[in-house]
Amino acid sequence: MVAALVAAFERNQLLLFASAISFQVFTAIVPLLLFVFGLLGFLDLREVWQGDVRPRLLGEVSPAVLEIADKTVEEAFDSHQLFWITGGALLAIWQVSGAVRAAMDALNRIYDVREGRSRTRRYVLSIALEAAVILISLVAASDVALAPLLLPEPGTILREALFVVRWGLAAALLCLAVGLIVHQAADVS
C-alpha cells in the first residue's frame, strides 16, 4: 500500500507541483501585503497598522525586519497608494492564479487526463477559482480573528462552545476551498 502510494507520488511528480504551488503562493504574499497597506492608507486607517498589526509584530520579528516593515508601510501610506492597490492586487492575483494552474496540472496528472481546455479558459478558470479560494479563506480568517471581539466575557461556557463552533466553521470553509479546487481544477468534465 505504502509502496504504491510512493510510486504514484513519484510518477505524478507531486513534489515538483507542490514546490511550484508553494513558490507561487509565497511570492504572492508581498504584493498582497502591499495591496492591503495601500488600501489602509487610501482609507486613512493608519491606526490599524500602528495600533493593531505593528504591536503584534514586535515580539515576532527582529528589529531590522520591523524597521523595513515600518518604512514600507509608511511609503504605502504616504504615497503611491493607487499604485500599491492596483499593482499589488494584480500581481497577487497573477501569482495565486499561477498556483491554481499548477494545481490544475497536478490534478490532471493524478486523474490521468490530458488538458483539453483552451489557454484562455484555463486562465479564466484559474482566476475564478483563485478569487473564490481567497474569498473563502478571508471569511475563515475573519471568523477566527474577528469573532472573539463579539463574544461574551472569557470563562463562560457559551464562549467556549462558540470557540469550538468558530474554529469548526473555519476548518469547514478551508475544506470547502480545497474541495472547490479538487472538484473544478482537473479537466475531467
C-alpha atoms as a PDB file:
ATOM      1  CA  MET A   1       0.000   0.000   0.000  1.00  0.00           C
ATOM      2  CA  VAL A   2       2.697   2.495   1.028  1.00  0.00           C
ATOM      3  CA  ALA A   3       4.939   1.451  -1.871  1.00  0.00           C
ATOM      4  CA  ALA A   4       2.105   2.023  -4.350  1.00  0.00           C
ATOM      5  CA  LEU A   5       1.399   5.418  -2.826  1.00  0.00           C
ATOM      6  CA  VAL A   6       5.064   6.442  -3.050  1.00  0.00           C
ATOM      7  CA  ALA A   7       5.256   5.191  -6.648  1.00  0.00           C
ATOM      8  CA  ALA A   8       2.132   7.172  -7.622  1.00  0.00           C
ATOM      9  CA  PHE A   9       3.531  10.221  -5.852  1.00  0.00           C
ATOM     10  CA  GLU A  10       6.763   9.989  -7.856  1.00  0.00           C
ATOM     11  CA  ARG A  11       5.035   9.094 -11.138  1.00  0.00           C
ATOM     12  CA  ASN A  12       2.823  12.166 -10.929  1.00  0.00           C
ATOM     13  CA  GLN A  13       5.733  14.407  -9.828  1.00  0.00           C
ATOM     14  CA  LEU A  14       3.724  15.729  -6.905  1.00  0.00           C
ATOM     15  CA  LEU A  15       6.795  17.132  -5.119  1.00  0.00           C
ATOM     16  CA  LEU A  16       7.526  19.254  -8.177  1.00  0.00           C
ATOM     17  CA  PHE A  17       3.951  20.533  -8.269  1.00  0.00           C
ATOM     18  CA  ALA A  18       3.922  21.141  -4.510  1.00  0.00           C
ATOM     19  CA  SER A  19       7.089  23.222  -4.888  1.00  0.00           C
ATOM     20  CA  ALA A  20       5.576  25.212  -7.747  1.00  0.00           C
ATOM     21  CA  ILE A  21       2.374  25.863  -5.818  1.00  0.00           C
ATOM     22  CA  SER A  22       4.176  26.922  -2.640  1.00  0.00           C
ATOM     23  CA  PHE A  23       6.524  29.198  -4.618  1.00  0.00           C
ATOM     24  CA  GLN A  24       3.606  30.910  -6.344  1.00  0.00           C
ATOM     25  CA  VAL A  25       1.743  31.422  -3.070  1.00  0.00           C
ATOM     26  CA  PHE A  26       4.885  32.591  -1.250  1.00  0.00           C
ATOM     27  CA  THR A  27       5.688  35.170  -3.934  1.00  0.00           C
ATOM     28  CA  ALA A  28       2.101  36.451  -3.743  1.00  0.00           C
ATOM     29  CA  ILE A  29       2.463  37.402  -0.078  1.00  0.00           C
ATOM     30  CA  VAL A  30       4.483  40.606  -0.598  1.00  0.00           C
ATOM     31  CA  PRO A  31       2.235  42.145  -3.292  1.00  0.00           C
ATOM     32  CA  LEU A  32      -0.814  41.122  -1.285  1.00  0.00           C
ATOM     33  CA  LEU A  33       0.564  42.884   1.793  1.00  0.00           C
ATOM     34  CA  LEU A  34       1.412  45.973  -0.269  1.00  0.00           C
ATOM     35  CA  PHE A  35      -2.148  45.942  -1.592  1.00  0.00           C
ATOM     36  CA  VAL A  36      -3.515  45.765   1.971  1.00  0.00           C
ATOM     37  CA  PHE A  37      -1.241  48.562   3.216  1.00  0.00           C
ATOM     38  CA  GLY A  38      -2.061  50.715   0.186  1.00  0.00           C
ATOM     39  CA  LEU A  39      -5.748  50.143   0.874  1.00  0.00           C
ATOM     40  CA  LEU A  40      -5.298  51.027   4.554  1.00  0.00           C
ATOM     41  CA  GLY A  41      -3.537  54.235   3.500  1.00  0.00           C
ATOM     42  CA  PHE A  42      -6.192  55.043   0.922  1.00  0.00           C
ATOM     43  CA  LEU A  43      -8.906  54.556   3.542  1.00  0.00           C
ATOM     44  CA  ASP A  44      -6.836  56.555   6.060  1.00  0.00           C
ATOM     45  CA  LEU A  45      -6.614  53.648   8.503  1.00  0.00           C
ATOM     46  CA  ARG A  46      -3.035  54.230   9.673  1.00  0.00           C
ATOM     47  CA  GLU A  47      -4.093  53.396  13.232  1.00  0.00           C
ATOM     48  CA  VAL A  48      -4.747  49.776  12.197  1.00  0.00           C
ATOM     49  CA  TRP A  49      -1.019  49.386  11.440  1.00  0.00           C
ATOM     50  CA  GLN A  50       0.163  51.374  14.435  1.00  0.00           C
ATOM     51  CA  GLY A  51      -2.348  50.097  16.988  1.00  0.00           C
ATOM     52  CA  ASP A  52      -3.048  46.509  15.920  1.00  0.00           C
ATOM     53  CA  VAL A  53      -0.603  44.992  13.440  1.00  0.00           C
ATOM     54  CA  ARG A  54       2.729  46.548  14.449  1.00  0.00           C
ATOM     55  CA  PRO A  55       2.407  45.703  18.171  1.00  0.00           C
ATOM     56  CA  ARG A  56       1.791  42.064  17.262  1.00  0.00           C
ATOM     57  CA  LEU A  57       4.962  42.021  15.175  1.00  0.00           C
ATOM     58  CA  LEU A  58       7.160  43.460  17.943  1.00  0.00           C
ATOM     59  CA  GLY A  59       7.918  40.140  19.610  1.00  0.00           C
ATOM     60  CA  GLU A  60       7.747  38.056  16.434  1.00  0.00           C
ATOM     61  CA  VAL A  61      10.345  39.643  14.144  1.00  0.00           C
ATOM     62  CA  SER A  62      13.800  41.141  14.516  1.00  0.00           C
ATOM     63  CA  PRO A  63      14.218  44.921  14.909  1.00  0.00           C
ATOM     64  CA  ALA A  64      15.733  45.117  11.408  1.00  0.00           C
ATOM     65  CA  VAL A  65      12.697  43.407   9.849  1.00  0.00           C
ATOM     66  CA  LEU A  66      10.352  45.657  11.818  1.00  0.00           C
ATOM     67  CA  GLU A  67      12.252  48.732  10.605  1.00  0.00           C
ATOM     68  CA  ILE A  68      11.931  47.605   6.978  1.00  0.00           C
ATOM     69  CA  ALA A  69       8.244  46.873   7.511  1.00  0.00           C
ATOM     70  CA  ASP A  70       7.717  50.320   9.073  1.00  0.00           C
ATOM     71  CA  LYS A  71       9.421  52.058   6.130  1.00  0.00           C
ATOM     72  CA  THR A  72       7.489  50.023   3.560  1.00  0.00           C
ATOM     73  CA  VAL A  73       4.163  50.591   5.274  1.00  0.00           C
ATOM     74  CA  GLU A  74       4.809  54.322   5.673  1.00  0.00           C
ATOM     75  CA  GLU A  75       5.686  54.518   1.960  1.00  0.00           C
ATOM     76  CA  ALA A  76       2.459  52.724   1.094  1.00  0.00           C
ATOM     77  CA  PHE A  77       0.505  55.043   3.397  1.00  0.00           C
ATOM     78  CA  ASP A  78       2.117  58.290   2.284  1.00  0.00           C
ATOM     79  CA  SER A  79       2.380  57.912  -1.470  1.00  0.00           C
ATOM     80  CA  HIS A  80       1.673  55.664  -4.399  1.00  0.00           C
ATOM     81  CA  GLN A  81      -1.463  54.273  -2.747  1.00  0.00           C
ATOM     82  CA  LEU A  82      -3.218  53.789  -6.072  1.00  0.00           C
ATOM     83  CA  PHE A  83      -0.138  52.008  -7.447  1.00  0.00           C
ATOM     84  CA  TRP A  84       0.062  49.660  -4.443  1.00  0.00           C
ATOM     85  CA  ILE A  85      -3.668  48.986  -4.542  1.00  0.00           C
ATOM     86  CA  THR A  86      -3.843  48.160  -8.254  1.00  0.00           C
ATOM     87  CA  GLY A  87      -0.338  46.814  -8.826  1.00  0.00           C
ATOM     88  CA  GLY A  88      -0.276  44.795  -5.622  1.00  0.00           C
ATOM     89  CA  ALA A  89      -3.690  43.304  -6.290  1.00  0.00           C
ATOM     90  CA  LEU A  90      -2.906  42.426  -9.906  1.00  0.00           C
ATOM     91  CA  LEU A  91       0.442  40.853  -9.053  1.00  0.00           C
ATOM     92  CA  ALA A  92      -1.062  38.868  -6.158  1.00  0.00           C
ATOM     93  CA  ILE A  93      -3.909  37.670  -8.402  1.00  0.00           C
ATOM     94  CA  TRP A  94      -1.442  36.621 -11.087  1.00  0.00           C
ATOM     95  CA  GLN A  95       0.765  34.704  -8.642  1.00  0.00           C
ATOM     96  CA  VAL A  96      -2.066  32.896  -6.854  1.00  0.00           C
ATOM     97  CA  SER A  97      -3.789  32.023 -10.131  1.00  0.00           C
ATOM     98  CA  GLY A  98      -0.438  30.514 -11.170  1.00  0.00           C
ATOM     99  CA  ALA A  99      -0.628  28.303  -8.090  1.00  0.00           C
ATOM    100  CA  VAL A 100      -4.131  27.255  -9.133  1.00  0.00           C
ATOM    101  CA  ARG A 101      -2.877  26.442 -12.653  1.00  0.00           C
ATOM    102  CA  ALA A 102      -0.106  24.305 -11.120  1.00  0.00           C
ATOM    103  CA  ALA A 103      -2.784  22.510  -9.080  1.00  0.00           C
ATOM    104  CA  MET A 104      -4.779  22.028 -12.295  1.00  0.00           C
ATOM    105  CA  ASP A 105      -1.781  20.349 -13.931  1.00  0.00           C
ATOM    106  CA  ALA A 106      -1.128  18.168 -10.884  1.00  0.00           C
ATOM    107  CA  LEU A 107      -4.757  17.046 -10.721  1.00  0.00           C
ATOM    108  CA  ASN A 108      -4.777  16.297 -14.439  1.00  0.00           C
ATOM    109  CA  ARG A 109      -1.799  14.005 -13.856  1.00  0.00           C
ATOM    110  CA  ILE A 110      -3.444  12.357 -10.874  1.00  0.00           C
ATOM    111  CA  TYR A 111      -6.647  11.722 -12.858  1.00  0.00           C
ATOM    112  CA  ASP A 112      -4.519  10.729 -15.882  1.00  0.00           C
ATOM    113  CA  VAL A 113      -6.267  13.139 -18.250  1.00  0.00           C
ATOM    114  CA  ARG A 114      -4.873  15.442 -20.906  1.00  0.00           C
ATOM    115  CA  GLU A 115      -5.640  19.136 -20.671  1.00  0.00           C
ATOM    116  CA  GLY A 116      -8.286  19.880 -23.305  1.00  0.00           C
ATOM    117  CA  ARG A 117      -9.278  23.402 -22.294  1.00  0.00           C
ATOM    118  CA  SER A 118      -8.013  26.388 -24.233  1.00  0.00           C
ATOM    119  CA  ARG A 119      -5.363  28.606 -22.670  1.00  0.00           C
ATOM    120  CA  THR A 120      -7.916  31.385 -22.240  1.00  0.00           C
ATOM    121  CA  ARG A 121     -10.366  29.050 -20.496  1.00  0.00           C
ATOM    122  CA  ARG A 122      -7.596  27.797 -18.186  1.00  0.00           C
ATOM    123  CA  TYR A 123      -6.627  31.362 -17.221  1.00  0.00           C
ATOM    124  CA  VAL A 124     -10.230  32.435 -16.662  1.00  0.00           C
ATOM    125  CA  LEU A 125     -10.949  29.316 -14.610  1.00  0.00           C
ATOM    126  CA  SER A 126      -7.757  29.692 -12.559  1.00  0.00           C
ATOM    127  CA  ILE A 127      -8.546  33.326 -11.753  1.00  0.00           C
ATOM    128  CA  ALA A 128     -12.163  32.473 -10.847  1.00  0.00           C
ATOM    129  CA  LEU A 129     -11.061  29.586  -8.612  1.00  0.00           C
ATOM    130  CA  GLU A 130      -8.380  31.744  -7.042  1.00  0.00           C
ATOM    131  CA  ALA A 131     -10.879  34.522  -6.302  1.00  0.00           C
ATOM    132  CA  ALA A 132     -13.266  32.025  -4.699  1.00  0.00           C
ATOM    133  CA  VAL A 133     -10.486  30.430  -2.626  1.00  0.00           C
ATOM    134  CA  ILE A 134      -9.213  33.823  -1.440  1.00  0.00           C
ATOM    135  CA  LEU A 135     -12.739  34.931  -0.527  1.00  0.00           C
ATOM    136  CA  ILE A 136     -13.419  31.704   1.376  1.00  0.00           C
ATOM    137  CA  SER A 137     -10.033  31.966   3.128  1.00  0.00           C
ATOM    138  CA  LEU A 138     -10.687  35.572   4.134  1.00  0.00           C
ATOM    139  CA  VAL A 139     -14.075  34.612   5.577  1.00  0.00           C
ATOM    140  CA  ALA A 140     -12.426  31.768   7.516  1.00  0.00           C
ATOM    141  CA  ALA A 141      -9.668  34.064   8.811  1.00  0.00           C
ATOM    142  CA  SER A 142     -12.199  36.739   9.747  1.00  0.00           C
ATOM    143  CA  ASP A 143     -14.241  34.139  11.587  1.00  0.00           C
ATOM    144  CA  VAL A 144     -11.219  33.193  13.685  1.00  0.00           C
ATOM    145  CA  ALA A 145      -9.743  36.680  14.138  1.00  0.00           C
ATOM    146  CA  LEU A 146     -12.797  38.918  14.458  1.00  0.00           C
ATOM    147  CA  ALA A 147     -15.380  36.696  16.130  1.00  0.00           C
ATOM    148  CA  PRO A 148     -13.681  36.931  19.565  1.00  0.00           C
ATOM    149  CA  LEU A 149     -14.438  40.665  19.555  1.00  0.00           C
ATOM    150  CA  LEU A 150     -18.151  39.849  19.531  1.00  0.00           C
ATOM    151  CA  LEU A 151     -18.084  37.051  22.084  1.00  0.00           C
ATOM    152  CA  PRO A 152     -19.107  37.209  25.749  1.00  0.00           C
ATOM    153  CA  GLU A 153     -16.591  37.537  28.571  1.00  0.00           C
ATOM    154  CA  PRO A 154     -13.940  34.820  28.966  1.00  0.00           C
ATOM    155  CA  GLY A 155     -14.749  31.942  31.260  1.00  0.00           C
ATOM    156  CA  THR A 156     -18.336  31.395  30.217  1.00  0.00           C
ATOM    157  CA  ILE A 157     -19.468  28.086  28.791  1.00  0.00           C
ATOM    158  CA  LEU A 158     -21.040  29.901  25.847  1.00  0.00           C
ATOM    159  CA  ARG A 159     -17.674  31.432  24.931  1.00  0.00           C
ATOM    160  CA  GLU A 160     -16.019  28.003  24.973  1.00  0.00           C
ATOM    161  CA  ALA A 161     -18.786  26.496  22.852  1.00  0.00           C
ATOM    162  CA  LEU A 162     -18.510  29.362  20.374  1.00  0.00           C
ATOM    163  CA  PHE A 163     -14.731  28.811  20.227  1.00  0.00           C
ATOM    164  CA  VAL A 164     -15.345  25.266  19.003  1.00  0.00           C
ATOM    165  CA  VAL A 165     -18.034  26.421  16.573  1.00  0.00           C
ATOM    166  CA  ARG A 166     -15.952  29.196  15.004  1.00  0.00           C
ATOM    167  CA  TRP A 167     -12.863  27.006  14.592  1.00  0.00           C
ATOM    168  CA  GLY A 168     -15.067  24.248  13.185  1.00  0.00           C
ATOM    169  CA  LEU A 169     -16.584  26.735  10.752  1.00  0.00           C
ATOM    170  CA  ALA A 170     -13.129  27.934   9.713  1.00  0.00           C
ATOM    171  CA  ALA A 171     -11.989  24.339   9.132  1.00  0.00           C
ATOM    172  CA  ALA A 172     -15.134  23.603   7.126  1.00  0.00           C
ATOM    173  CA  LEU A 173     -14.593  26.701   4.980  1.00  0.00           C
ATOM    174  CA  LEU A 174     -10.993  25.728   4.270  1.00  0.00           C
ATOM    175  CA  CYS A 175     -12.143  22.204   3.352  1.00  0.00           C
ATOM    176  CA  LEU A 176     -14.664  23.832   1.008  1.00  0.00           C
ATOM    177  CA  ALA A 177     -11.840  25.801  -0.660  1.00  0.00           C
ATOM    178  CA  VAL A 178      -9.756  22.657  -1.152  1.00  0.00           C
ATOM    179  CA  GLY A 179     -12.798  20.759  -2.392  1.00  0.00           C
ATOM    180  CA  LEU A 180     -13.547  23.504  -4.882  1.00  0.00           C
ATOM    181  CA  ILE A 181     -10.048  23.222  -6.330  1.00  0.00           C
ATOM    182  CA  VAL A 182     -10.126  19.399  -6.404  1.00  0.00           C
ATOM    183  CA  HIS A 183     -13.587  19.321  -7.986  1.00  0.00           C
ATOM    184  CA  GLN A 184     -13.138  22.100 -10.554  1.00  0.00           C
ATOM    185  CA  ALA A 185      -9.435  22.210 -11.464  1.00  0.00           C
ATOM    186  CA  ALA A 186      -8.922  18.909 -13.293  1.00  0.00           C
ATOM    187  CA  ASP A 187     -10.195  18.615 -16.862  1.00  0.00           C
ATOM    188  CA  VAL A 188     -12.443  15.629 -16.149  1.00  0.00           C
ATOM    189  CA  SER A 189     -15.755  17.055 -17.322  1.00  0.00           C
END
